[in-house]
N, C-alpha and C. Protein backbone atom coordinates (compact mmCIF):
# COMPACT_ATOMS: atom_id res chain seq x y z
N MET A 1 -40.67 18.15 0.76
CA MET A 1 -40.71 16.72 0.53
C MET A 1 -40.33 15.99 1.81
N HIS A 2 -41.02 14.93 2.11
CA HIS A 2 -40.80 14.17 3.33
C HIS A 2 -39.68 13.15 3.14
N ASP A 3 -38.75 13.10 4.10
CA ASP A 3 -37.67 12.11 4.04
C ASP A 3 -38.25 10.72 4.26
N PRO A 4 -37.77 9.72 3.50
CA PRO A 4 -38.17 8.35 3.78
C PRO A 4 -37.59 7.92 5.13
N PRO A 5 -38.11 6.83 5.71
CA PRO A 5 -37.55 6.38 6.99
C PRO A 5 -36.03 6.24 6.85
N GLY A 6 -35.33 6.79 7.79
CA GLY A 6 -33.88 6.72 7.76
C GLY A 6 -33.26 7.74 6.82
N GLY A 7 -34.08 8.55 6.17
CA GLY A 7 -33.57 9.53 5.22
C GLY A 7 -32.66 10.55 5.88
N HIS A 8 -33.02 10.98 7.08
CA HIS A 8 -32.18 11.93 7.82
C HIS A 8 -30.82 11.30 8.13
N GLN A 9 -30.85 10.03 8.57
CA GLN A 9 -29.60 9.35 8.88
C GLN A 9 -28.74 9.19 7.63
N LEU A 10 -29.39 8.83 6.52
CA LEU A 10 -28.65 8.66 5.28
C LEU A 10 -28.01 9.98 4.85
N ALA A 11 -28.76 11.06 4.95
CA ALA A 11 -28.22 12.37 4.58
C ALA A 11 -27.06 12.75 5.49
N ARG A 12 -27.20 12.49 6.77
CA ARG A 12 -26.11 12.81 7.71
C ARG A 12 -24.87 11.98 7.38
N PHE A 13 -25.07 10.69 7.10
CA PHE A 13 -23.93 9.84 6.77
C PHE A 13 -23.26 10.31 5.48
N GLU A 14 -24.06 10.63 4.48
CA GLU A 14 -23.49 11.11 3.21
C GLU A 14 -22.68 12.39 3.43
N ASP A 15 -23.19 13.28 4.26
CA ASP A 15 -22.46 14.51 4.58
C ASP A 15 -21.15 14.19 5.29
N LEU A 16 -21.21 13.27 6.23
CA LEU A 16 -20.03 12.85 6.99
C LEU A 16 -18.99 12.25 6.04
N PHE A 17 -19.43 11.38 5.19
CA PHE A 17 -18.54 10.72 4.24
C PHE A 17 -17.90 11.72 3.29
N THR A 18 -18.73 12.59 2.72
CA THR A 18 -18.24 13.59 1.78
C THR A 18 -17.23 14.53 2.44
N ALA A 19 -17.53 14.94 3.66
CA ALA A 19 -16.69 15.92 4.35
C ALA A 19 -15.34 15.32 4.78
N TYR A 20 -15.32 14.04 5.17
CA TYR A 20 -14.12 13.51 5.83
C TYR A 20 -13.45 12.33 5.15
N HIS A 21 -13.99 11.86 4.06
CA HIS A 21 -13.42 10.68 3.40
C HIS A 21 -11.94 10.88 3.07
N ALA A 22 -11.61 11.99 2.44
CA ALA A 22 -10.22 12.23 2.02
C ALA A 22 -9.28 12.30 3.23
N GLN A 23 -9.73 12.92 4.32
CA GLN A 23 -8.87 13.03 5.50
C GLN A 23 -8.65 11.66 6.16
N ILE A 24 -9.69 10.86 6.23
CA ILE A 24 -9.55 9.53 6.83
C ILE A 24 -8.66 8.67 5.95
N MET A 25 -8.83 8.78 4.64
CA MET A 25 -7.98 8.02 3.73
C MET A 25 -6.51 8.42 3.89
N ALA A 26 -6.24 9.70 3.95
CA ALA A 26 -4.86 10.17 4.11
C ALA A 26 -4.29 9.72 5.45
N TYR A 27 -5.08 9.80 6.50
CA TYR A 27 -4.67 9.35 7.84
C TYR A 27 -4.23 7.89 7.80
N LEU A 28 -5.07 7.05 7.19
CA LEU A 28 -4.76 5.62 7.15
C LEU A 28 -3.60 5.31 6.21
N LEU A 29 -3.53 6.01 5.11
CA LEU A 29 -2.44 5.78 4.16
C LEU A 29 -1.09 6.12 4.79
N ARG A 30 -1.04 7.22 5.54
CA ARG A 30 0.22 7.59 6.21
C ARG A 30 0.64 6.53 7.22
N ARG A 31 -0.30 5.84 7.79
CA ARG A 31 0.02 4.87 8.84
C ARG A 31 0.24 3.45 8.31
N THR A 32 -0.28 3.14 7.14
CA THR A 32 -0.10 1.79 6.61
C THR A 32 1.00 1.74 5.56
N GLY A 33 1.07 2.77 4.74
CA GLY A 33 2.03 2.75 3.64
C GLY A 33 1.63 1.76 2.56
N ASN A 34 0.45 1.16 2.69
CA ASN A 34 0.01 0.17 1.73
C ASN A 34 -1.34 0.61 1.16
N ALA A 35 -1.31 1.13 -0.05
CA ALA A 35 -2.53 1.63 -0.66
C ALA A 35 -3.56 0.53 -0.86
N GLY A 36 -3.11 -0.71 -0.98
CA GLY A 36 -4.02 -1.83 -1.16
C GLY A 36 -4.92 -2.07 0.04
N ASP A 37 -4.43 -1.78 1.22
CA ASP A 37 -5.23 -1.99 2.44
C ASP A 37 -6.09 -0.78 2.78
N VAL A 38 -5.70 0.38 2.31
CA VAL A 38 -6.36 1.62 2.73
C VAL A 38 -7.84 1.64 2.38
N ASP A 39 -8.19 1.22 1.18
CA ASP A 39 -9.60 1.24 0.79
C ASP A 39 -10.45 0.41 1.74
N ASP A 40 -9.96 -0.78 2.10
CA ASP A 40 -10.70 -1.64 3.03
C ASP A 40 -10.80 -1.01 4.41
N LEU A 41 -9.72 -0.39 4.86
CA LEU A 41 -9.72 0.24 6.18
C LEU A 41 -10.65 1.45 6.22
N VAL A 42 -10.66 2.23 5.16
CA VAL A 42 -11.58 3.37 5.08
C VAL A 42 -13.02 2.87 5.07
N ALA A 43 -13.27 1.84 4.29
CA ALA A 43 -14.63 1.28 4.23
C ALA A 43 -15.06 0.77 5.60
N GLU A 44 -14.17 0.10 6.30
CA GLU A 44 -14.51 -0.41 7.63
C GLU A 44 -14.75 0.74 8.61
N THR A 45 -13.97 1.79 8.49
CA THR A 45 -14.16 2.97 9.35
C THR A 45 -15.53 3.59 9.12
N PHE A 46 -15.90 3.77 7.86
CA PHE A 46 -17.19 4.39 7.58
C PHE A 46 -18.36 3.44 7.81
N LEU A 47 -18.12 2.14 7.72
CA LEU A 47 -19.16 1.18 8.09
C LEU A 47 -19.47 1.30 9.58
N THR A 48 -18.42 1.43 10.38
CA THR A 48 -18.62 1.64 11.81
C THR A 48 -19.37 2.95 12.06
N ALA A 49 -19.01 3.99 11.30
CA ALA A 49 -19.70 5.28 11.45
C ALA A 49 -21.18 5.13 11.11
N TRP A 50 -21.48 4.38 10.06
CA TRP A 50 -22.88 4.17 9.68
C TRP A 50 -23.64 3.43 10.78
N ARG A 51 -23.01 2.38 11.29
CA ARG A 51 -23.67 1.58 12.32
C ARG A 51 -23.86 2.35 13.62
N ARG A 52 -22.95 3.26 13.90
CA ARG A 52 -22.98 3.99 15.17
C ARG A 52 -23.23 5.47 14.94
N LEU A 53 -23.98 5.78 13.92
CA LEU A 53 -24.21 7.17 13.53
C LEU A 53 -24.75 8.00 14.69
N GLY A 54 -25.56 7.40 15.52
CA GLY A 54 -26.10 8.12 16.67
C GLY A 54 -25.06 8.47 17.71
N ASP A 55 -23.92 7.80 17.69
CA ASP A 55 -22.84 8.07 18.64
C ASP A 55 -21.87 9.13 18.15
N VAL A 56 -21.96 9.51 16.88
CA VAL A 56 -21.03 10.49 16.32
C VAL A 56 -21.40 11.87 16.84
N PRO A 57 -20.51 12.49 17.64
CA PRO A 57 -20.84 13.82 18.18
C PRO A 57 -20.76 14.88 17.08
N PRO A 58 -21.82 15.63 16.88
CA PRO A 58 -21.82 16.64 15.81
C PRO A 58 -20.69 17.66 15.96
N GLU A 59 -20.28 17.93 17.18
CA GLU A 59 -19.23 18.93 17.40
C GLU A 59 -17.81 18.36 17.25
N ALA A 60 -17.71 17.04 17.10
CA ALA A 60 -16.38 16.43 17.01
C ALA A 60 -16.39 15.24 16.05
N GLU A 61 -16.97 15.42 14.89
CA GLU A 61 -17.10 14.31 13.93
C GLU A 61 -15.74 13.78 13.48
N LEU A 62 -14.85 14.67 13.06
CA LEU A 62 -13.56 14.23 12.55
C LEU A 62 -12.72 13.54 13.63
N PRO A 63 -12.60 14.09 14.83
CA PRO A 63 -11.85 13.36 15.86
C PRO A 63 -12.46 11.98 16.16
N TRP A 64 -13.78 11.91 16.15
CA TRP A 64 -14.44 10.63 16.39
C TRP A 64 -14.08 9.64 15.29
N LEU A 65 -14.10 10.10 14.04
CA LEU A 65 -13.72 9.22 12.92
C LEU A 65 -12.26 8.80 13.01
N TYR A 66 -11.38 9.72 13.43
CA TYR A 66 -9.97 9.35 13.62
C TYR A 66 -9.84 8.27 14.68
N ALA A 67 -10.60 8.37 15.74
CA ALA A 67 -10.54 7.36 16.80
C ALA A 67 -11.00 6.00 16.26
N VAL A 68 -12.06 6.01 15.47
CA VAL A 68 -12.54 4.75 14.87
C VAL A 68 -11.49 4.20 13.92
N ALA A 69 -10.93 5.06 13.07
CA ALA A 69 -9.90 4.63 12.11
C ALA A 69 -8.69 4.06 12.85
N ARG A 70 -8.34 4.66 13.94
CA ARG A 70 -7.20 4.17 14.75
C ARG A 70 -7.47 2.76 15.25
N ARG A 71 -8.69 2.51 15.75
CA ARG A 71 -9.04 1.16 16.23
C ARG A 71 -9.12 0.16 15.08
N VAL A 72 -9.66 0.60 13.95
CA VAL A 72 -9.73 -0.27 12.77
C VAL A 72 -8.32 -0.66 12.34
N LEU A 73 -7.42 0.30 12.33
CA LEU A 73 -6.03 0.03 11.95
C LEU A 73 -5.36 -0.91 12.95
N ALA A 74 -5.60 -0.71 14.24
CA ALA A 74 -5.01 -1.60 15.25
C ALA A 74 -5.52 -3.04 15.06
N ASN A 75 -6.81 -3.18 14.80
CA ASN A 75 -7.36 -4.52 14.55
C ASN A 75 -6.76 -5.14 13.30
N HIS A 76 -6.59 -4.32 12.26
CA HIS A 76 -5.99 -4.79 11.01
C HIS A 76 -4.56 -5.29 11.26
N ARG A 77 -3.81 -4.53 12.02
CA ARG A 77 -2.42 -4.93 12.31
C ARG A 77 -2.37 -6.23 13.10
N ARG A 78 -3.28 -6.38 14.08
CA ARG A 78 -3.33 -7.63 14.84
C ARG A 78 -3.66 -8.81 13.94
N ARG A 79 -4.64 -8.63 13.06
CA ARG A 79 -5.01 -9.71 12.13
C ARG A 79 -3.84 -10.04 11.22
N GLU A 80 -3.16 -9.01 10.74
CA GLU A 80 -2.02 -9.22 9.84
C GLU A 80 -0.89 -9.96 10.56
N GLN A 81 -0.61 -9.57 11.80
CA GLN A 81 0.43 -10.25 12.56
C GLN A 81 0.05 -11.71 12.80
N SER A 82 -1.21 -11.96 13.09
CA SER A 82 -1.67 -13.34 13.30
C SER A 82 -1.54 -14.14 12.01
N ARG A 83 -1.91 -13.51 10.89
CA ARG A 83 -1.81 -14.19 9.60
C ARG A 83 -0.36 -14.54 9.27
N VAL A 84 0.53 -13.59 9.46
CA VAL A 84 1.95 -13.82 9.18
C VAL A 84 2.49 -14.91 10.09
N ALA A 85 2.13 -14.88 11.37
CA ALA A 85 2.59 -15.90 12.31
C ALA A 85 2.07 -17.27 11.91
N LEU A 86 0.82 -17.35 11.48
CA LEU A 86 0.26 -18.63 11.05
C LEU A 86 0.96 -19.15 9.81
N VAL A 87 1.22 -18.27 8.85
CA VAL A 87 1.93 -18.69 7.63
C VAL A 87 3.31 -19.23 8.00
N GLU A 88 4.00 -18.56 8.91
CA GLU A 88 5.32 -19.02 9.33
C GLU A 88 5.23 -20.38 10.02
N ARG A 89 4.24 -20.54 10.90
CA ARG A 89 4.08 -21.83 11.58
C ARG A 89 3.76 -22.94 10.59
N LEU A 90 2.92 -22.63 9.62
CA LEU A 90 2.57 -23.65 8.63
C LEU A 90 3.77 -23.99 7.75
N ARG A 91 4.58 -22.97 7.45
CA ARG A 91 5.78 -23.22 6.65
C ARG A 91 6.75 -24.15 7.36
N GLU A 92 6.85 -23.96 8.67
CA GLU A 92 7.80 -24.73 9.46
C GLU A 92 7.25 -26.07 9.93
N ALA A 93 5.93 -26.20 9.95
CA ALA A 93 5.31 -27.42 10.48
C ALA A 93 5.44 -28.55 9.48
N PRO A 94 5.79 -29.73 9.99
CA PRO A 94 5.81 -30.89 9.09
C PRO A 94 4.38 -31.27 8.73
N ILE A 95 4.23 -31.82 7.56
CA ILE A 95 2.91 -32.31 7.16
C ILE A 95 2.76 -33.67 7.82
N ILE A 96 1.76 -33.77 8.66
CA ILE A 96 1.57 -34.97 9.47
C ILE A 96 1.41 -36.19 8.60
N GLY A 97 2.28 -37.16 8.87
CA GLY A 97 2.16 -38.45 8.23
C GLY A 97 2.62 -38.51 6.79
N SER A 98 3.08 -37.41 6.23
CA SER A 98 3.45 -37.48 4.82
C SER A 98 4.95 -37.39 4.60
N GLY A 99 5.71 -37.02 5.64
CA GLY A 99 7.15 -36.89 5.47
C GLY A 99 7.43 -35.96 4.32
N THR A 100 8.15 -36.43 3.35
CA THR A 100 8.43 -35.61 2.18
C THR A 100 7.63 -36.08 0.98
N ASP A 101 6.62 -36.92 1.22
CA ASP A 101 5.80 -37.48 0.16
C ASP A 101 4.71 -36.50 -0.28
N PRO A 102 4.88 -35.85 -1.42
CA PRO A 102 3.88 -34.87 -1.87
C PRO A 102 2.50 -35.51 -2.10
N GLU A 103 2.48 -36.76 -2.55
CA GLU A 103 1.20 -37.43 -2.79
C GLU A 103 0.46 -37.63 -1.47
N GLY A 104 1.20 -38.02 -0.42
CA GLY A 104 0.58 -38.19 0.90
C GLY A 104 0.07 -36.87 1.44
N ALA A 105 0.83 -35.80 1.19
CA ALA A 105 0.40 -34.48 1.64
C ALA A 105 -0.88 -34.07 0.92
N ALA A 106 -0.96 -34.34 -0.37
CA ALA A 106 -2.15 -34.00 -1.14
C ALA A 106 -3.36 -34.78 -0.63
N MET A 107 -3.16 -36.05 -0.31
CA MET A 107 -4.27 -36.85 0.19
C MET A 107 -4.71 -36.39 1.58
N THR A 108 -3.73 -35.99 2.41
CA THR A 108 -4.07 -35.46 3.73
C THR A 108 -4.86 -34.16 3.59
N ALA A 109 -4.42 -33.32 2.68
CA ALA A 109 -5.14 -32.06 2.44
C ALA A 109 -6.54 -32.33 1.90
N ALA A 110 -6.67 -33.32 1.04
CA ALA A 110 -7.99 -33.67 0.50
C ALA A 110 -8.91 -34.16 1.62
N ALA A 111 -8.38 -34.97 2.51
CA ALA A 111 -9.18 -35.46 3.64
C ALA A 111 -9.60 -34.29 4.52
N TRP A 112 -8.70 -33.35 4.74
CA TRP A 112 -9.00 -32.16 5.56
C TRP A 112 -10.16 -31.37 4.93
N ARG A 113 -10.10 -31.19 3.62
CA ARG A 113 -11.16 -30.43 2.94
C ARG A 113 -12.50 -31.14 3.00
N GLU A 114 -12.49 -32.46 3.09
CA GLU A 114 -13.73 -33.23 3.16
C GLU A 114 -14.40 -33.13 4.53
N LEU A 115 -13.62 -32.79 5.56
CA LEU A 115 -14.20 -32.67 6.90
C LEU A 115 -15.23 -31.55 6.95
N PRO A 116 -16.28 -31.73 7.71
CA PRO A 116 -17.21 -30.62 7.91
C PRO A 116 -16.48 -29.45 8.61
N GLU A 117 -16.91 -28.23 8.32
CA GLU A 117 -16.30 -27.03 8.90
C GLU A 117 -16.22 -27.12 10.42
N ARG A 118 -17.25 -27.64 11.03
CA ARG A 118 -17.31 -27.77 12.49
C ARG A 118 -16.15 -28.63 13.02
N ASP A 119 -15.84 -29.72 12.32
CA ASP A 119 -14.73 -30.59 12.72
C ASP A 119 -13.39 -29.91 12.48
N ARG A 120 -13.26 -29.25 11.33
CA ARG A 120 -11.99 -28.55 11.04
C ARG A 120 -11.72 -27.49 12.10
N GLU A 121 -12.77 -26.78 12.52
CA GLU A 121 -12.60 -25.71 13.50
C GLU A 121 -12.05 -26.24 14.81
N VAL A 122 -12.65 -27.28 15.35
CA VAL A 122 -12.19 -27.80 16.65
C VAL A 122 -10.79 -28.39 16.52
N LEU A 123 -10.51 -29.10 15.44
CA LEU A 123 -9.16 -29.67 15.25
C LEU A 123 -8.12 -28.57 15.08
N ALA A 124 -8.45 -27.54 14.32
CA ALA A 124 -7.50 -26.45 14.09
C ALA A 124 -7.21 -25.68 15.37
N LEU A 125 -8.24 -25.44 16.17
CA LEU A 125 -8.02 -24.70 17.43
C LEU A 125 -7.09 -25.48 18.36
N ILE A 126 -7.21 -26.79 18.37
CA ILE A 126 -6.35 -27.62 19.21
C ILE A 126 -4.96 -27.76 18.60
N ALA A 127 -4.91 -28.18 17.33
CA ALA A 127 -3.63 -28.50 16.71
C ALA A 127 -2.84 -27.28 16.25
N TRP A 128 -3.48 -26.33 15.60
CA TRP A 128 -2.75 -25.20 15.04
C TRP A 128 -2.61 -24.06 16.00
N GLU A 129 -3.67 -23.79 16.76
CA GLU A 129 -3.62 -22.66 17.69
C GLU A 129 -3.06 -23.06 19.04
N GLY A 130 -2.98 -24.36 19.31
CA GLY A 130 -2.40 -24.84 20.55
C GLY A 130 -3.26 -24.58 21.78
N LEU A 131 -4.57 -24.48 21.59
CA LEU A 131 -5.46 -24.22 22.72
C LEU A 131 -5.80 -25.51 23.46
N GLU A 132 -6.11 -25.35 24.73
CA GLU A 132 -6.59 -26.46 25.54
C GLU A 132 -8.10 -26.54 25.40
N ALA A 133 -8.68 -27.66 25.83
CA ALA A 133 -10.12 -27.89 25.69
C ALA A 133 -10.94 -26.78 26.35
N ASP A 134 -10.52 -26.32 27.53
CA ASP A 134 -11.30 -25.27 28.20
C ASP A 134 -11.22 -23.94 27.44
N GLU A 135 -10.10 -23.68 26.77
CA GLU A 135 -9.97 -22.46 25.96
C GLU A 135 -10.81 -22.57 24.69
N VAL A 136 -10.81 -23.77 24.10
CA VAL A 136 -11.63 -23.99 22.91
C VAL A 136 -13.10 -23.82 23.26
N ALA A 137 -13.48 -24.26 24.45
CA ALA A 137 -14.87 -24.12 24.91
C ALA A 137 -15.29 -22.65 24.93
N VAL A 138 -14.37 -21.78 25.35
CA VAL A 138 -14.67 -20.34 25.37
C VAL A 138 -14.84 -19.83 23.94
N VAL A 139 -13.93 -20.23 23.05
CA VAL A 139 -13.99 -19.77 21.65
C VAL A 139 -15.29 -20.22 20.99
N LEU A 140 -15.68 -21.48 21.23
CA LEU A 140 -16.85 -22.04 20.56
C LEU A 140 -18.15 -21.78 21.31
N GLY A 141 -18.04 -21.28 22.53
CA GLY A 141 -19.24 -21.00 23.30
C GLY A 141 -19.98 -22.24 23.75
N CYS A 142 -19.23 -23.24 24.18
CA CYS A 142 -19.85 -24.47 24.66
C CYS A 142 -19.07 -24.97 25.87
N SER A 143 -19.49 -26.10 26.43
CA SER A 143 -18.81 -26.63 27.61
C SER A 143 -17.53 -27.35 27.22
N ARG A 144 -16.65 -27.53 28.19
CA ARG A 144 -15.40 -28.26 27.96
C ARG A 144 -15.71 -29.70 27.56
N ASN A 145 -16.73 -30.27 28.17
CA ASN A 145 -17.11 -31.64 27.85
C ASN A 145 -17.59 -31.73 26.39
N ALA A 146 -18.35 -30.75 25.95
CA ALA A 146 -18.81 -30.73 24.56
C ALA A 146 -17.63 -30.64 23.60
N VAL A 147 -16.62 -29.87 23.98
CA VAL A 147 -15.41 -29.77 23.15
C VAL A 147 -14.73 -31.13 23.06
N ARG A 148 -14.61 -31.82 24.17
CA ARG A 148 -13.96 -33.14 24.16
C ARG A 148 -14.71 -34.12 23.27
N ILE A 149 -16.03 -34.08 23.35
CA ILE A 149 -16.84 -34.97 22.51
C ILE A 149 -16.66 -34.61 21.04
N ARG A 150 -16.74 -33.30 20.73
CA ARG A 150 -16.56 -32.86 19.35
C ARG A 150 -15.18 -33.20 18.82
N LEU A 151 -14.16 -33.03 19.66
CA LEU A 151 -12.79 -33.35 19.27
C LEU A 151 -12.65 -34.84 18.98
N HIS A 152 -13.20 -35.67 19.84
CA HIS A 152 -13.12 -37.12 19.65
C HIS A 152 -13.78 -37.51 18.33
N ARG A 153 -14.97 -36.98 18.09
CA ARG A 153 -15.69 -37.31 16.86
C ARG A 153 -14.97 -36.78 15.63
N ALA A 154 -14.42 -35.58 15.73
CA ALA A 154 -13.71 -34.98 14.60
C ALA A 154 -12.46 -35.80 14.27
N ARG A 155 -11.75 -36.24 15.28
CA ARG A 155 -10.56 -37.08 15.04
C ARG A 155 -10.95 -38.38 14.35
N ARG A 156 -12.03 -38.99 14.81
CA ARG A 156 -12.48 -40.26 14.20
C ARG A 156 -12.85 -40.04 12.73
N ARG A 157 -13.58 -38.97 12.45
CA ARG A 157 -13.97 -38.70 11.07
C ARG A 157 -12.75 -38.40 10.20
N PHE A 158 -11.79 -37.67 10.74
CA PHE A 158 -10.58 -37.34 9.98
C PHE A 158 -9.78 -38.60 9.69
N GLU A 159 -9.63 -39.45 10.70
CA GLU A 159 -8.89 -40.71 10.48
C GLU A 159 -9.59 -41.57 9.43
N LYS A 160 -10.91 -41.62 9.48
CA LYS A 160 -11.66 -42.40 8.50
C LYS A 160 -11.44 -41.84 7.10
N LEU A 161 -11.50 -40.51 6.97
CA LEU A 161 -11.26 -39.88 5.68
C LEU A 161 -9.83 -40.13 5.19
N LEU A 162 -8.87 -40.11 6.10
CA LEU A 162 -7.49 -40.39 5.72
C LEU A 162 -7.36 -41.81 5.16
N ARG A 163 -8.04 -42.76 5.81
CA ARG A 163 -7.98 -44.15 5.34
C ARG A 163 -8.65 -44.29 3.98
N THR A 164 -9.78 -43.60 3.78
CA THR A 164 -10.50 -43.76 2.51
C THR A 164 -9.83 -43.02 1.35
N THR A 165 -9.09 -41.94 1.64
CA THR A 165 -8.39 -41.23 0.57
C THR A 165 -6.99 -41.78 0.36
N GLY A 166 -6.56 -42.67 1.25
CA GLY A 166 -5.22 -43.22 1.12
C GLY A 166 -4.14 -42.39 1.76
N GLY A 167 -4.54 -41.35 2.50
CA GLY A 167 -3.58 -40.49 3.19
C GLY A 167 -3.01 -41.19 4.41
N ALA A 168 -1.99 -40.60 4.98
CA ALA A 168 -1.35 -41.18 6.17
C ALA A 168 -2.09 -40.71 7.41
N ALA A 169 -2.12 -41.55 8.42
CA ALA A 169 -2.79 -41.21 9.69
C ALA A 169 -1.90 -40.33 10.52
């Protein structure tokens, strides 16, 4: 019987997954201690293996998978540290213009949600991440001047939304 296009690759991946899934799962579980994250990390490891199947050396499949799992775990830890740091900063940050007024905070949050994603992104990179315009330009893949224009327009739209929702400026 003739393999369908990609049939050989699919068979190789299935063999790889069947042979090493338990070992990769154990490797990641020992390093995370969190069974809730392990399934996602294993899936990401094998997704990388699927995408780079041609790079998997037949004579060293398991070590190659361990190397991928190690990088996946390092990326996961960086994301987790960033998330925890952001939560802490948000916990400590005052809600702009609302003081201790929960109603003002709700209106500010409502105005934020009304902003287009593009505006929220540029405002968040400046205000929450503390980036300068030239750094934001790198993140967004545009010129520094384009960032300044986008920032100006985003601020105007946010202020307008704050006025229309009754939030504080």
